[in-house]
């Protein structure tokens, strides 16, 4: 004989997976570490914008001034002022974006013990670190790259 059950009775209890997230002890340190590139990126933007606004004055870098101005950059080449403006603005914004990403991932990922947070930070470190290392090496050896990752041609040295 079969027993009948009401239609709305649950057959089994839904259970949540037994996955526990353990907060990462150093999440505060990575959160604070995000402020170093944040300040650096904001300084790059500030120095670039101040140099452009005060085109006739010596290029200010926070601790002092260099021996050239934004207006005199055209002596290095017709596109030099636009190039410096582009590099300063894009570079500064990218540094700030990376810093904000590190801080946000630290608070919302590492603090709650999410595994994806470590993978994200490792990817960022590898991506940015390799790019910076390759660029620094090429500048140090005076071998500028002729093409960027996007395929755009770099100006000839």
N, C-alpha and C. Protein backbone atom coordinates (compact mmCIF):
# COMPACT_ATOMS: atom_id res chain seq x y z
N UNK A 1 0.83 -1.16 0.00
CA UNK A 1 0.00 0.00 0.00
C UNK A 1 0.89 1.24 0.00
N UNK A 2 0.50 2.21 -0.73
CA UNK A 2 1.27 3.46 -0.80
C UNK A 2 0.66 4.49 0.12
N UNK A 3 1.56 5.26 0.66
CA UNK A 3 1.06 6.34 1.50
C UNK A 3 1.02 7.60 0.67
N UNK A 4 0.09 8.39 0.91
CA UNK A 4 -0.02 9.63 0.15
C UNK A 4 0.51 10.79 0.99
N UNK A 5 1.15 11.71 0.29
CA UNK A 5 1.67 12.91 0.93
C UNK A 5 1.00 14.13 0.30
N UNK A 6 0.92 15.18 1.07
CA UNK A 6 0.38 16.40 0.47
C UNK A 6 1.31 16.90 -0.65
N UNK A 7 0.76 17.54 -1.61
CA UNK A 7 1.51 18.01 -2.77
C UNK A 7 2.57 19.04 -2.38
N UNK A 8 2.27 19.88 -1.43
CA UNK A 8 3.21 20.95 -1.08
C UNK A 8 4.25 20.53 -0.04
N UNK A 9 4.28 19.28 0.38
CA UNK A 9 5.26 18.82 1.36
C UNK A 9 6.61 18.62 0.67
N UNK A 10 7.67 19.09 1.32
CA UNK A 10 9.01 18.94 0.76
C UNK A 10 9.47 17.50 0.91
N UNK A 11 10.11 17.04 -0.12
CA UNK A 11 10.61 15.67 -0.09
C UNK A 11 11.90 15.61 0.71
N UNK A 12 12.73 16.53 0.55
CA UNK A 12 14.01 16.56 1.28
C UNK A 12 14.36 17.99 1.60
N UNK A 13 15.16 18.17 2.59
CA UNK A 13 15.60 19.51 2.96
C UNK A 13 16.74 19.93 2.03
N UNK A 14 16.65 21.15 1.54
CA UNK A 14 17.74 21.70 0.75
C UNK A 14 18.85 22.09 1.72
N UNK A 15 20.02 21.64 1.43
CA UNK A 15 21.15 21.98 2.29
C UNK A 15 22.16 22.78 1.50
N UNK A 16 22.86 23.63 2.22
CA UNK A 16 23.91 24.41 1.58
C UNK A 16 25.19 23.58 1.60
N UNK A 17 26.04 23.76 0.62
CA UNK A 17 27.30 23.01 0.61
C UNK A 17 28.12 23.33 1.86
N UNK A 18 28.90 22.38 2.26
CA UNK A 18 29.72 22.54 3.46
C UNK A 18 31.06 23.17 3.08
N UNK A 19 30.98 24.39 2.58
CA UNK A 19 32.19 25.13 2.22
C UNK A 19 32.29 26.31 3.17
N UNK A 20 33.35 26.36 3.90
CA UNK A 20 33.53 27.47 4.82
C UNK A 20 34.63 28.38 4.31
N UNK A 21 34.40 29.65 4.42
CA UNK A 21 35.40 30.64 4.02
C UNK A 21 36.10 31.12 5.27
N UNK A 22 37.41 31.05 5.24
CA UNK A 22 38.20 31.48 6.37
C UNK A 22 38.86 32.80 5.99
N UNK A 23 38.65 33.83 6.77
CA UNK A 23 39.28 35.11 6.45
C UNK A 23 40.80 34.99 6.40
N UNK A 24 41.39 35.69 5.44
CA UNK A 24 42.85 35.70 5.30
C UNK A 24 43.41 36.67 6.33
N UNK A 25 44.35 36.22 7.16
CA UNK A 25 44.86 37.08 8.23
C UNK A 25 45.48 38.39 7.73
N UNK A 26 46.08 38.41 6.56
CA UNK A 26 46.77 39.60 6.08
C UNK A 26 45.96 40.48 5.17
N UNK A 27 44.64 40.35 5.16
CA UNK A 27 43.84 41.14 4.21
C UNK A 27 43.97 42.63 4.47
N UNK A 28 44.15 43.02 5.73
CA UNK A 28 44.31 44.45 6.03
C UNK A 28 45.61 44.99 5.42
N UNK A 29 46.63 44.17 5.43
CA UNK A 29 47.92 44.58 4.87
C UNK A 29 47.79 44.81 3.36
N UNK A 30 47.13 43.91 2.64
CA UNK A 30 46.96 44.12 1.20
C UNK A 30 46.04 45.29 0.92
N UNK A 31 45.06 45.51 1.79
CA UNK A 31 44.18 46.67 1.63
C UNK A 31 44.99 47.96 1.75
N UNK A 32 45.84 48.03 2.78
CA UNK A 32 46.68 49.21 2.98
C UNK A 32 47.71 49.33 1.86
N UNK A 33 48.24 48.19 1.40
CA UNK A 33 49.23 48.21 0.31
C UNK A 33 48.64 48.79 -0.97
N UNK A 34 47.34 48.73 -1.13
CA UNK A 34 46.70 49.33 -2.29
C UNK A 34 46.80 50.84 -2.30
N UNK A 35 47.05 51.45 -1.14
CA UNK A 35 47.13 52.90 -1.08
C UNK A 35 48.45 53.44 -1.63
N UNK A 36 49.50 52.64 -1.64
CA UNK A 36 50.78 53.09 -2.18
C UNK A 36 50.65 53.38 -3.68
N UNK A 37 50.17 52.43 -4.50
CA UNK A 37 50.00 52.78 -5.92
C UNK A 37 48.89 53.80 -6.14
N UNK A 38 47.91 53.86 -5.25
CA UNK A 38 46.87 54.88 -5.39
C UNK A 38 47.48 56.28 -5.31
N UNK A 39 48.31 56.50 -4.32
CA UNK A 39 48.98 57.79 -4.17
C UNK A 39 49.92 58.04 -5.35
N UNK A 40 50.65 57.00 -5.77
CA UNK A 40 51.57 57.16 -6.91
C UNK A 40 50.81 57.54 -8.18
N UNK A 41 49.70 56.86 -8.44
CA UNK A 41 48.91 57.16 -9.63
C UNK A 41 48.33 58.56 -9.60
N UNK A 42 47.84 58.97 -8.44
CA UNK A 42 47.30 60.32 -8.31
C UNK A 42 48.39 61.36 -8.50
N UNK A 43 49.60 61.06 -8.01
CA UNK A 43 50.73 61.98 -8.22
C UNK A 43 51.11 62.08 -9.69
N UNK A 44 51.10 60.96 -10.40
CA UNK A 44 51.40 60.98 -11.84
C UNK A 44 50.39 61.86 -12.56
N UNK A 45 49.12 61.69 -12.23
CA UNK A 45 48.08 62.53 -12.85
C UNK A 45 48.29 64.00 -12.50
N UNK A 46 48.53 64.28 -11.22
CA UNK A 46 48.71 65.66 -10.78
C UNK A 46 49.91 66.31 -11.46
N UNK A 47 51.03 65.61 -11.48
CA UNK A 47 52.25 66.16 -12.10
C UNK A 47 52.02 66.41 -13.59
N UNK A 48 51.35 65.48 -14.25
CA UNK A 48 51.09 65.66 -15.68
C UNK A 48 50.18 66.85 -15.92
N UNK A 49 49.09 66.94 -15.18
CA UNK A 49 48.13 68.03 -15.39
C UNK A 49 48.72 69.38 -15.00
N UNK A 50 49.50 69.42 -13.93
CA UNK A 50 50.14 70.69 -13.54
C UNK A 50 51.14 71.11 -14.62
N UNK A 51 51.89 70.16 -15.16
CA UNK A 51 52.84 70.47 -16.22
C UNK A 51 52.17 71.00 -17.46
N UNK A 52 50.98 70.50 -17.76
CA UNK A 52 50.25 70.96 -18.95
C UNK A 52 49.64 72.33 -18.72
N UNK A 53 49.04 72.52 -17.54
CA UNK A 53 48.39 73.80 -17.23
C UNK A 53 49.43 74.91 -17.14
N UNK A 54 50.56 74.63 -16.53
CA UNK A 54 51.65 75.60 -16.41
C UNK A 54 52.69 75.31 -17.49
N UNK A 55 52.29 75.39 -18.74
CA UNK A 55 53.12 74.97 -19.87
C UNK A 55 54.45 75.73 -19.96
N UNK A 56 54.48 76.97 -19.55
CA UNK A 56 55.70 77.76 -19.67
C UNK A 56 56.66 77.58 -18.51
N UNK A 57 56.20 77.02 -17.42
CA UNK A 57 57.05 76.84 -16.22
C UNK A 57 57.82 75.53 -16.30
N UNK A 58 58.87 75.44 -15.49
CA UNK A 58 59.64 74.20 -15.43
C UNK A 58 58.73 73.07 -14.96
N UNK A 59 58.99 71.87 -15.47
CA UNK A 59 58.14 70.70 -15.19
C UNK A 59 58.28 70.33 -13.71
N UNK A 60 57.19 70.49 -12.97
CA UNK A 60 57.16 70.23 -11.53
C UNK A 60 56.94 68.75 -11.28
N UNK A 61 57.69 68.17 -10.35
CA UNK A 61 57.56 66.74 -10.04
C UNK A 61 57.29 66.49 -8.56
N UNK A 62 56.80 67.47 -7.85
CA UNK A 62 56.46 67.27 -6.45
C UNK A 62 57.56 67.69 -5.50
N UNK A 63 58.75 67.17 -5.70
CA UNK A 63 59.88 67.51 -4.83
C UNK A 63 60.75 68.62 -5.40
N UNK A 64 60.53 68.94 -6.62
CA UNK A 64 61.33 69.97 -7.29
C UNK A 64 60.87 70.11 -8.73
N UNK A 65 61.69 70.73 -9.52
CA UNK A 65 61.35 70.93 -10.93
C UNK A 65 62.47 70.43 -11.82
N UNK A 66 62.09 69.99 -13.01
CA UNK A 66 63.07 69.57 -14.01
C UNK A 66 63.47 70.76 -14.87
N UNK A 67 64.45 70.59 -15.72
CA UNK A 67 64.97 71.72 -16.49
C UNK A 67 64.28 71.90 -17.84
N UNK A 68 63.06 71.44 -17.97
CA UNK A 68 62.29 71.66 -19.19
C UNK A 68 60.85 71.94 -18.82
N UNK A 69 60.11 72.46 -19.78
CA UNK A 69 58.69 72.74 -19.56
C UNK A 69 57.87 72.00 -20.61
N UNK A 70 56.58 71.98 -20.42
CA UNK A 70 55.69 71.34 -21.39
C UNK A 70 55.79 72.04 -22.74
N UNK A 71 55.92 73.35 -22.70
CA UNK A 71 56.02 74.12 -23.94
C UNK A 71 57.31 73.79 -24.70
N UNK A 72 58.37 73.45 -23.97
CA UNK A 72 59.65 73.17 -24.65
C UNK A 72 59.77 71.72 -25.12
N UNK A 73 58.78 70.88 -24.82
CA UNK A 73 58.84 69.49 -25.25
C UNK A 73 58.82 69.34 -26.77
N UNK A 74 58.24 70.30 -27.46
CA UNK A 74 58.16 70.20 -28.92
C UNK A 74 59.55 70.24 -29.56
N UNK A 75 60.57 70.70 -28.82
CA UNK A 75 61.94 70.67 -29.34
C UNK A 75 62.43 69.23 -29.50
N UNK A 76 61.88 68.33 -28.69
CA UNK A 76 62.26 66.91 -28.79
C UNK A 76 61.54 66.23 -29.95
N UNK A 77 60.49 66.81 -30.44
CA UNK A 77 59.71 66.26 -31.55
C UNK A 77 58.34 66.89 -31.55
N UNK A 78 57.74 66.94 -32.71
CA UNK A 78 56.44 67.60 -32.83
C UNK A 78 55.37 66.92 -31.98
N UNK A 79 55.45 65.62 -31.82
CA UNK A 79 54.43 64.88 -31.07
C UNK A 79 54.78 64.67 -29.60
N UNK A 80 55.91 65.18 -29.16
CA UNK A 80 56.36 64.94 -27.78
C UNK A 80 55.38 65.46 -26.73
N UNK A 81 54.83 66.67 -26.86
CA UNK A 81 53.88 67.12 -25.84
C UNK A 81 52.64 66.22 -25.75
N UNK A 82 52.09 65.84 -26.89
CA UNK A 82 50.91 64.96 -26.88
C UNK A 82 51.27 63.59 -26.31
N UNK A 83 52.46 63.12 -26.61
CA UNK A 83 52.92 61.81 -26.10
C UNK A 83 53.05 61.84 -24.57
N UNK A 84 53.64 62.89 -24.03
CA UNK A 84 53.79 63.02 -22.58
C UNK A 84 52.42 63.14 -21.91
N UNK A 85 51.53 63.89 -22.52
CA UNK A 85 50.17 64.02 -21.97
C UNK A 85 49.46 62.67 -21.97
N UNK A 86 49.57 61.93 -23.05
CA UNK A 86 48.93 60.62 -23.15
C UNK A 86 49.50 59.64 -22.12
N UNK A 87 50.82 59.55 -22.06
CA UNK A 87 51.47 58.62 -21.13
C UNK A 87 51.15 58.98 -19.68
N UNK A 88 51.21 60.26 -19.35
CA UNK A 88 50.93 60.68 -17.98
C UNK A 88 49.49 60.42 -17.58
N UNK A 89 48.56 60.73 -18.46
CA UNK A 89 47.14 60.55 -18.12
C UNK A 89 46.76 59.08 -18.09
N UNK A 90 47.09 58.35 -19.13
CA UNK A 90 46.73 56.93 -19.19
C UNK A 90 47.46 56.14 -18.11
N UNK A 91 48.74 56.42 -17.94
CA UNK A 91 49.51 55.73 -16.91
C UNK A 91 48.96 55.99 -15.52
N UNK A 92 48.68 57.25 -15.21
CA UNK A 92 48.14 57.59 -13.91
C UNK A 92 46.80 56.95 -13.64
N UNK A 93 45.92 56.98 -14.63
CA UNK A 93 44.60 56.37 -14.47
C UNK A 93 44.71 54.86 -14.28
N UNK A 94 45.59 54.22 -15.03
CA UNK A 94 45.76 52.77 -14.88
C UNK A 94 46.33 52.40 -13.52
N UNK A 95 47.26 53.18 -13.01
CA UNK A 95 47.82 52.91 -11.69
C UNK A 95 46.74 53.06 -10.63
N UNK A 96 45.94 54.11 -10.73
CA UNK A 96 44.86 54.33 -9.77
C UNK A 96 43.85 53.18 -9.85
N UNK A 97 43.50 52.76 -11.06
CA UNK A 97 42.54 51.66 -11.22
C UNK A 97 43.05 50.37 -10.60
N UNK A 98 44.32 50.07 -10.80
CA UNK A 98 44.90 48.86 -10.21
C UNK A 98 44.90 48.95 -8.69
N UNK A 99 45.21 50.11 -8.15
CA UNK A 99 45.23 50.29 -6.70
C UNK A 99 43.85 50.11 -6.10
N UNK A 100 42.85 50.68 -6.75
CA UNK A 100 41.47 50.53 -6.26
C UNK A 100 41.06 49.06 -6.35
N UNK A 101 41.44 48.38 -7.42
CA UNK A 101 41.10 46.96 -7.56
C UNK A 101 41.72 46.13 -6.44
N UNK A 102 42.97 46.38 -6.10
CA UNK A 102 43.63 45.64 -5.02
C UNK A 102 42.92 45.88 -3.70
N UNK A 103 42.57 47.12 -3.41
CA UNK A 103 41.89 47.42 -2.15
C UNK A 103 40.50 46.81 -2.09
N UNK A 104 39.76 46.88 -3.18
CA UNK A 104 38.41 46.32 -3.21
C UNK A 104 38.45 44.79 -3.08
N UNK A 105 39.37 44.16 -3.79
CA UNK A 105 39.50 42.70 -3.70
C UNK A 105 39.94 42.30 -2.29
N UNK A 106 40.77 43.09 -1.66
CA UNK A 106 41.19 42.79 -0.30
C UNK A 106 40.01 42.81 0.67
N UNK A 107 39.16 43.81 0.54
CA UNK A 107 38.03 43.94 1.46
C UNK A 107 36.97 42.88 1.17
N UNK A 108 36.59 42.73 -0.09
CA UNK A 108 35.47 41.86 -0.40
C UNK A 108 35.87 40.42 -0.72
N UNK A 109 37.13 40.19 -1.03
CA UNK A 109 37.57 38.84 -1.35
C UNK A 109 38.40 38.20 -0.26
N UNK A 110 39.52 38.84 0.08
CA UNK A 110 40.43 38.25 1.07
C UNK A 110 39.83 38.26 2.47
N UNK A 111 39.11 39.32 2.82
CA UNK A 111 38.54 39.40 4.16
C UNK A 111 37.55 38.27 4.41
N UNK A 112 36.84 37.87 3.37
CA UNK A 112 35.87 36.79 3.52
C UNK A 112 36.44 35.43 3.12
N UNK A 113 37.72 35.39 2.75
CA UNK A 113 38.38 34.12 2.46
C UNK A 113 38.04 33.51 1.12
N UNK A 114 37.74 34.32 0.13
CA UNK A 114 37.39 33.83 -1.20
C UNK A 114 38.66 33.45 -1.96
N UNK A 115 38.66 32.27 -2.55
CA UNK A 115 39.84 31.82 -3.30
C UNK A 115 40.10 32.65 -4.55
N UNK A 116 39.05 33.13 -5.20
CA UNK A 116 39.22 33.89 -6.42
C UNK A 116 40.05 35.15 -6.19
N UNK A 117 40.02 35.67 -4.96
CA UNK A 117 40.75 36.90 -4.67
C UNK A 117 42.25 36.71 -4.86
N UNK A 118 42.77 35.57 -4.38
CA UNK A 118 44.20 35.29 -4.56
C UNK A 118 44.54 35.15 -6.04
N UNK A 119 43.69 34.49 -6.80
CA UNK A 119 43.96 34.33 -8.23
C UNK A 119 43.94 35.67 -8.95
N UNK A 120 43.00 36.52 -8.57
CA UNK A 120 42.93 37.85 -9.18
C UNK A 120 44.19 38.65 -8.89
N UNK A 121 44.61 38.67 -7.61
CA UNK A 121 45.80 39.43 -7.24
C UNK A 121 47.06 38.85 -7.89
N UNK A 122 47.13 37.53 -8.00
CA UNK A 122 48.29 36.91 -8.66
C UNK A 122 48.32 37.28 -10.14
N UNK A 123 47.16 37.30 -10.78
CA UNK A 123 47.08 37.70 -12.18
C UNK A 123 47.54 39.14 -12.36
N UNK A 124 47.04 40.02 -11.50
CA UNK A 124 47.42 41.44 -11.60
C UNK A 124 48.92 41.63 -11.40
N UNK A 125 49.46 40.96 -10.39
CA UNK A 125 50.90 41.08 -10.13
C UNK A 125 51.71 40.57 -11.32
N UNK A 126 51.31 39.43 -11.86
CA UNK A 126 52.04 38.86 -12.99
C UNK A 126 51.92 39.74 -14.23
N UNK A 127 50.71 40.16 -14.54
CA UNK A 127 50.47 40.97 -15.73
C UNK A 127 51.22 42.30 -15.66
N UNK A 128 51.01 43.04 -14.59
CA UNK A 128 51.64 44.34 -14.44
C UNK A 128 53.14 44.18 -14.20
N UNK A 129 53.52 43.22 -13.37
CA UNK A 129 54.93 43.01 -13.06
C UNK A 129 55.75 42.65 -14.28
N UNK A 130 55.24 41.74 -15.10
CA UNK A 130 55.96 41.36 -16.31
C UNK A 130 56.06 42.53 -17.29
N UNK A 131 54.97 43.25 -17.45
CA UNK A 131 54.99 44.40 -18.35
C UNK A 131 56.01 45.43 -17.89
N UNK A 132 56.00 45.74 -16.61
CA UNK A 132 56.94 46.73 -16.09
C UNK A 132 58.38 46.25 -16.20
N UNK A 133 58.60 44.98 -15.92
CA UNK A 133 59.96 44.44 -16.00
C UNK A 133 60.48 44.47 -17.44
N UNK A 134 59.65 44.09 -18.39
CA UNK A 134 60.06 44.10 -19.80
C UNK A 134 60.32 45.53 -20.27
N UNK A 135 59.43 46.45 -19.89
CA UNK A 135 59.60 47.84 -20.30
C UNK A 135 60.85 48.44 -19.67
N UNK A 136 61.06 48.20 -18.39
CA UNK A 136 62.24 48.74 -17.72
C UNK A 136 63.51 48.17 -18.33
N UNK A 137 63.49 46.90 -18.69
CA UNK A 137 64.67 46.28 -19.31
C UNK A 137 64.95 46.92 -20.67
N UNK A 138 63.91 47.13 -21.45
CA UNK A 138 64.13 47.70 -22.78
C UNK A 138 64.60 49.15 -22.69
N UNK A 139 64.10 49.90 -21.72
CA UNK A 139 64.55 51.28 -21.55
C UNK A 139 65.98 51.30 -21.04
N UNK A 140 66.29 50.41 -20.10
CA UNK A 140 67.63 50.35 -19.53
C UNK A 140 68.66 49.97 -20.60
N UNK A 141 68.29 49.06 -21.48
CA UNK A 141 69.22 48.61 -22.52
C UNK A 141 69.13 49.48 -23.77
N UNK A 142 68.30 50.52 -23.72
CA UNK A 142 68.11 51.43 -24.85
C UNK A 142 67.61 50.69 -26.09
N UNK A 143 66.72 49.74 -25.88
CA UNK A 143 66.11 49.01 -26.99
C UNK A 143 64.61 49.17 -26.91
N UNK A 144 64.07 50.31 -27.31
CA UNK A 144 62.62 50.50 -27.19
C UNK A 144 61.87 49.54 -28.10
N UNK A 145 60.73 49.08 -27.61
CA UNK A 145 59.88 48.21 -28.42
C UNK A 145 59.25 49.05 -29.52
N UNK A 146 59.06 48.45 -30.65
CA UNK A 146 58.49 49.18 -31.78
C UNK A 146 56.98 49.04 -31.87
N UNK A 147 56.42 48.06 -31.19
CA UNK A 147 54.98 47.85 -31.23
C UNK A 147 54.47 47.63 -29.82
N UNK A 148 53.29 48.16 -29.55
CA UNK A 148 52.67 47.90 -28.26
C UNK A 148 51.86 46.60 -28.37
N UNK A 149 51.32 46.16 -27.25
CA UNK A 149 50.51 44.95 -27.24
C UNK A 149 49.27 45.10 -28.11
N UNK A 150 48.78 46.34 -28.28
CA UNK A 150 47.58 46.56 -29.08
C UNK A 150 47.89 46.64 -30.57
N UNK A 151 49.16 46.60 -30.95
CA UNK A 151 49.52 46.64 -32.36
C UNK A 151 49.85 48.03 -32.86
N UNK A 152 49.70 49.06 -32.02
CA UNK A 152 50.02 50.41 -32.44
C UNK A 152 51.52 50.59 -32.52
N UNK A 153 51.97 51.31 -33.52
CA UNK A 153 53.41 51.56 -33.64
C UNK A 153 53.85 52.61 -32.65
N UNK A 154 54.99 52.35 -32.01
CA UNK A 154 55.58 53.31 -31.11
C UNK A 154 56.44 54.24 -31.93
N UNK A 155 56.64 55.46 -31.46
CA UNK A 155 57.50 56.37 -32.23
C UNK A 155 58.94 55.86 -32.25
N UNK A 156 59.60 56.11 -33.34
CA UNK A 156 60.99 55.67 -33.48
C UNK A 156 61.87 56.42 -32.49
N UNK A 157 62.88 55.73 -31.99
CA UNK A 157 63.76 56.35 -30.99
C UNK A 157 64.76 57.26 -31.66
